[in-house]
Structure formats: C-alpha cells, structure tokens
Amino acid sequence: MAPLALGPRPFSLQLMLHQLTPLEETRAYKIIFGRGESKGKAEGIAEGKAEGMADGKADSLERLLRHRFGPLPDRASARISAAELSQLDAWLDAVLDIDGIEELLGPAP
C-alpha cells in the first residue's frame, strides 16, 4: 500500500491546522502562557512590595534625621534614596544613637 499523500507541499497540513485553530487559541498555549503570566505577576507584586517598604523606610529615616538635625544635605537624601533595604534598617536602628548625620551616613566624599 502506498503512503498517504498530504498534499503538494510538505507543510500543507500544518497550514490547514493553523487556519482552523491558531496557536494562541489552543488549550496548551493558554495553560503555558497563563503560568508564565501568573509567575510574572507574582514577581511584580513582590518587587513592588519591597520597593514600597524601602521607600517607606527611607522617608522615615529622613524624617527622623530632619527632626534631630534640621534640613538634610542633598548628599544625605541621595544616599538614603539609593540605599538597599538592609542598609536602611541598619541606619534606622542607629539613628537614635548618633551625634550627627555624617556619623550615620559617613563623611562627604
């Protein structure tokens, strides 16, 4: 018995199937895409929370420093804004025990 001929072109069956059900509408595609989308959302939420915590701690630190020492130098504000969460925590823990901003943040370069 002769093999079944699928048409004049080798991809004619594939083209026909794509016309009937585009890849984006298949169940498998939706499941795979949905998992990636969910993972991306979760990562975005976690990143947003961490950024929000850092912003809140930076604001609190600046308020405490202004209350104790008056207006902050631009360098101090920039340093606080750029700090990692762990550094902000360390500075917040030490802010009540310092005699000046430089003691906390270090001397100006």
C-alpha atoms as a PDB file:
ATOM      1  CA  MET A   1       0.000   0.000   0.000  1.00  0.00           C
ATOM      2  CA  ALA A   2       1.307   3.471  -0.894  1.00  0.00           C
ATOM      3  CA  PRO A   3       1.905   6.115   1.832  1.00  0.00           C
ATOM      4  CA  LEU A   4      -0.820   8.688   2.310  1.00  0.00           C
ATOM      5  CA  ALA A   5      -0.067  11.870   0.376  1.00  0.00           C
ATOM      6  CA  LEU A   6      -0.740  15.008   2.411  1.00  0.00           C
ATOM      7  CA  GLY A   7      -0.704  17.434  -0.500  1.00  0.00           C
ATOM      8  CA  PRO A   8       1.664  19.095  -2.899  1.00  0.00           C
ATOM      9  CA  ARG A   9       3.571  20.926  -0.136  1.00  0.00           C
ATOM     10  CA  PRO A  10       5.038  19.242   2.934  1.00  0.00           C
ATOM     11  CA  PHE A  11       3.506  21.837   5.305  1.00  0.00           C
ATOM     12  CA  SER A  12       0.005  21.972   3.830  1.00  0.00           C
ATOM     13  CA  LEU A  13      -1.474  20.000   6.758  1.00  0.00           C
ATOM     14  CA  GLN A  14       0.262  22.267   9.254  1.00  0.00           C
ATOM     15  CA  LEU A  15      -1.025  25.370   7.467  1.00  0.00           C
ATOM     16  CA  MET A  16      -4.540  23.945   7.400  1.00  0.00           C
ATOM     17  CA  LEU A  17      -4.444  23.184  11.139  1.00  0.00           C
ATOM     18  CA  HIS A  18      -3.148  26.676  11.924  1.00  0.00           C
ATOM     19  CA  GLN A  19      -6.007  28.197   9.940  1.00  0.00           C
ATOM     20  CA  LEU A  20      -8.527  26.106  11.854  1.00  0.00           C
ATOM     21  CA  THR A  21      -7.068  26.751  15.332  1.00  0.00           C
ATOM     22  CA  PRO A  22      -4.459  29.471  15.727  1.00  0.00           C
ATOM     23  CA  LEU A  23      -1.742  28.539  18.223  1.00  0.00           C
ATOM     24  CA  GLU A  24      -2.737  31.345  20.592  1.00  0.00           C
ATOM     25  CA  GLU A  25      -6.199  29.800  20.964  1.00  0.00           C
ATOM     26  CA  THR A  26      -5.088  26.282  21.821  1.00  0.00           C
ATOM     27  CA  ARG A  27      -5.585  24.968  25.333  1.00  0.00           C
ATOM     28  CA  ALA A  28      -1.900  24.078  25.739  1.00  0.00           C
ATOM     29  CA  TYR A  29      -0.796  27.585  24.741  1.00  0.00           C
ATOM     30  CA  LYS A  30      -3.231  29.182  27.181  1.00  0.00           C
ATOM     31  CA  ILE A  31      -2.056  26.941  30.040  1.00  0.00           C
ATOM     32  CA  ILE A  32       1.631  27.621  29.380  1.00  0.00           C
ATOM     33  CA  PHE A  33       1.078  31.352  28.850  1.00  0.00           C
ATOM     34  CA  GLY A  34      -1.133  31.527  31.951  1.00  0.00           C
ATOM     35  CA  ARG A  35       1.605  30.007  34.114  1.00  0.00           C
ATOM     36  CA  GLY A  36       4.155  32.492  32.832  1.00  0.00           C
ATOM     37  CA  GLU A  37       1.760  35.370  33.317  1.00  0.00           C
ATOM     38  CA  SER A  38       0.991  34.284  36.894  1.00  0.00           C
ATOM     39  CA  LYS A  39       4.690  33.968  37.709  1.00  0.00           C
ATOM     40  CA  GLY A  40       5.351  37.410  36.242  1.00  0.00           C
ATOM     41  CA  LYS A  41       2.534  38.952  38.267  1.00  0.00           C
ATOM     42  CA  ALA A  42       3.794  37.358  41.482  1.00  0.00           C
ATOM     43  CA  GLU A  43       7.320  38.617  40.850  1.00  0.00           C
ATOM     44  CA  GLY A  44       5.997  42.086  40.076  1.00  0.00           C
ATOM     45  CA  ILE A  45       3.948  42.170  43.265  1.00  0.00           C
ATOM     46  CA  ALA A  46       6.924  41.062  45.374  1.00  0.00           C
ATOM     47  CA  GLU A  47       9.166  43.648  43.735  1.00  0.00           C
ATOM     48  CA  GLY A  48       6.559  46.359  44.291  1.00  0.00           C
ATOM     49  CA  LYS A  49       6.217  45.456  47.966  1.00  0.00           C
ATOM     50  CA  ALA A  50       9.981  45.554  48.503  1.00  0.00           C
ATOM     51  CA  GLU A  51      10.228  48.901  46.723  1.00  0.00           C
ATOM     52  CA  GLY A  52       7.340  50.265  48.805  1.00  0.00           C
ATOM     53  CA  MET A  53       8.994  49.110  52.025  1.00  0.00           C
ATOM     54  CA  ALA A  54      12.282  50.727  51.047  1.00  0.00           C
ATOM     55  CA  ASP A  55      10.523  53.993  50.160  1.00  0.00           C
ATOM     56  CA  GLY A  56       8.693  53.992  53.488  1.00  0.00           C
ATOM     57  CA  LYS A  57      11.856  53.323  55.480  1.00  0.00           C
ATOM     58  CA  ALA A  58      13.774  55.986  53.555  1.00  0.00           C
ATOM     59  CA  ASP A  59      11.021  58.513  54.289  1.00  0.00           C
ATOM     60  CA  SER A  60      11.018  57.580  57.987  1.00  0.00           C
ATOM     61  CA  LEU A  61      14.789  57.875  58.223  1.00  0.00           C
ATOM     62  CA  GLU A  62      14.781  61.291  56.548  1.00  0.00           C
ATOM     63  CA  ARG A  63      12.024  62.493  58.905  1.00  0.00           C
ATOM     64  CA  LEU A  64      13.952  61.344  61.963  1.00  0.00           C
ATOM     65  CA  LEU A  65      17.182  62.946  60.739  1.00  0.00           C
ATOM     66  CA  ARG A  66      15.433  66.235  59.923  1.00  0.00           C
ATOM     67  CA  HIS A  67      13.768  66.235  63.331  1.00  0.00           C
ATOM     68  CA  ARG A  68      17.100  65.732  65.116  1.00  0.00           C
ATOM     69  CA  PHE A  69      19.497  67.678  62.895  1.00  0.00           C
ATOM     70  CA  GLY A  70      17.462  70.076  60.751  1.00  0.00           C
ATOM     71  CA  PRO A  71      17.444  70.208  56.944  1.00  0.00           C
ATOM     72  CA  LEU A  72      19.290  67.366  55.237  1.00  0.00           C
ATOM     73  CA  PRO A  73      22.105  67.980  52.796  1.00  0.00           C
ATOM     74  CA  ASP A  74      21.309  66.849  49.245  1.00  0.00           C
ATOM     75  CA  ARG A  75      24.058  64.240  49.530  1.00  0.00           C
ATOM     76  CA  ALA A  76      22.337  62.651  52.525  1.00  0.00           C
ATOM     77  CA  SER A  77      18.968  62.482  50.758  1.00  0.00           C
ATOM     78  CA  ALA A  78      20.581  60.969  47.656  1.00  0.00           C
ATOM     79  CA  ARG A  79      22.446  58.405  49.734  1.00  0.00           C
ATOM     80  CA  ILE A  80      19.284  57.403  51.588  1.00  0.00           C
ATOM     81  CA  SER A  81      17.239  57.165  48.384  1.00  0.00           C
ATOM     82  CA  ALA A  82      19.820  54.866  46.785  1.00  0.00           C
ATOM     83  CA  ALA A  83      20.240  52.578  49.804  1.00  0.00           C
ATOM     84  CA  GLU A  84      19.245  48.923  49.936  1.00  0.00           C
ATOM     85  CA  LEU A  85      16.595  47.789  52.400  1.00  0.00           C
ATOM     86  CA  SER A  86      19.152  46.175  54.729  1.00  0.00           C
ATOM     87  CA  GLN A  87      21.196  49.400  54.872  1.00  0.00           C
ATOM     88  CA  LEU A  88      18.081  51.447  55.648  1.00  0.00           C
ATOM     89  CA  ASP A  89      17.282  49.036  58.503  1.00  0.00           C
ATOM     90  CA  ALA A  90      20.786  49.435  59.924  1.00  0.00           C
ATOM     91  CA  TRP A  91      20.574  53.232  59.736  1.00  0.00           C
ATOM     92  CA  LEU A  92      17.119  53.253  61.344  1.00  0.00           C
ATOM     93  CA  ASP A  93      18.457  51.108  64.191  1.00  0.00           C
ATOM     94  CA  ALA A  94      21.350  53.539  64.764  1.00  0.00           C
ATOM     95  CA  VAL A  95      19.607  56.889  64.187  1.00  0.00           C
ATOM     96  CA  LEU A  96      18.868  57.495  67.887  1.00  0.00           C
ATOM     97  CA  ASP A  97      22.460  56.835  68.945  1.00  0.00           C
ATOM     98  CA  ILE A  98      24.346  59.218  66.650  1.00  0.00           C
ATOM     99  CA  ASP A  99      25.641  62.745  67.153  1.00  0.00           C
ATOM    100  CA  GLY A 100      25.463  63.816  63.515  1.00  0.00           C
ATOM    101  CA  ILE A 101      24.402  62.798  60.024  1.00  0.00           C
ATOM    102  CA  GLU A 102      27.991  62.117  58.955  1.00  0.00           C
ATOM    103  CA  GLU A 103      28.353  59.619  61.779  1.00  0.00           C
ATOM    104  CA  LEU A 104      25.463  57.663  60.333  1.00  0.00           C
ATOM    105  CA  LEU A 105      25.991  58.022  56.574  1.00  0.00           C
ATOM    106  CA  GLY A 106      29.723  58.569  56.507  1.00  0.00           C
ATOM    107  CA  PRO A 107      31.704  61.691  55.563  1.00  0.00           C
ATOM    108  CA  ALA A 108      31.107  63.572  52.307  1.00  0.00           C
ATOM    109  CA  PRO A 109      33.420  62.428  49.522  1.00  0.00           C
END
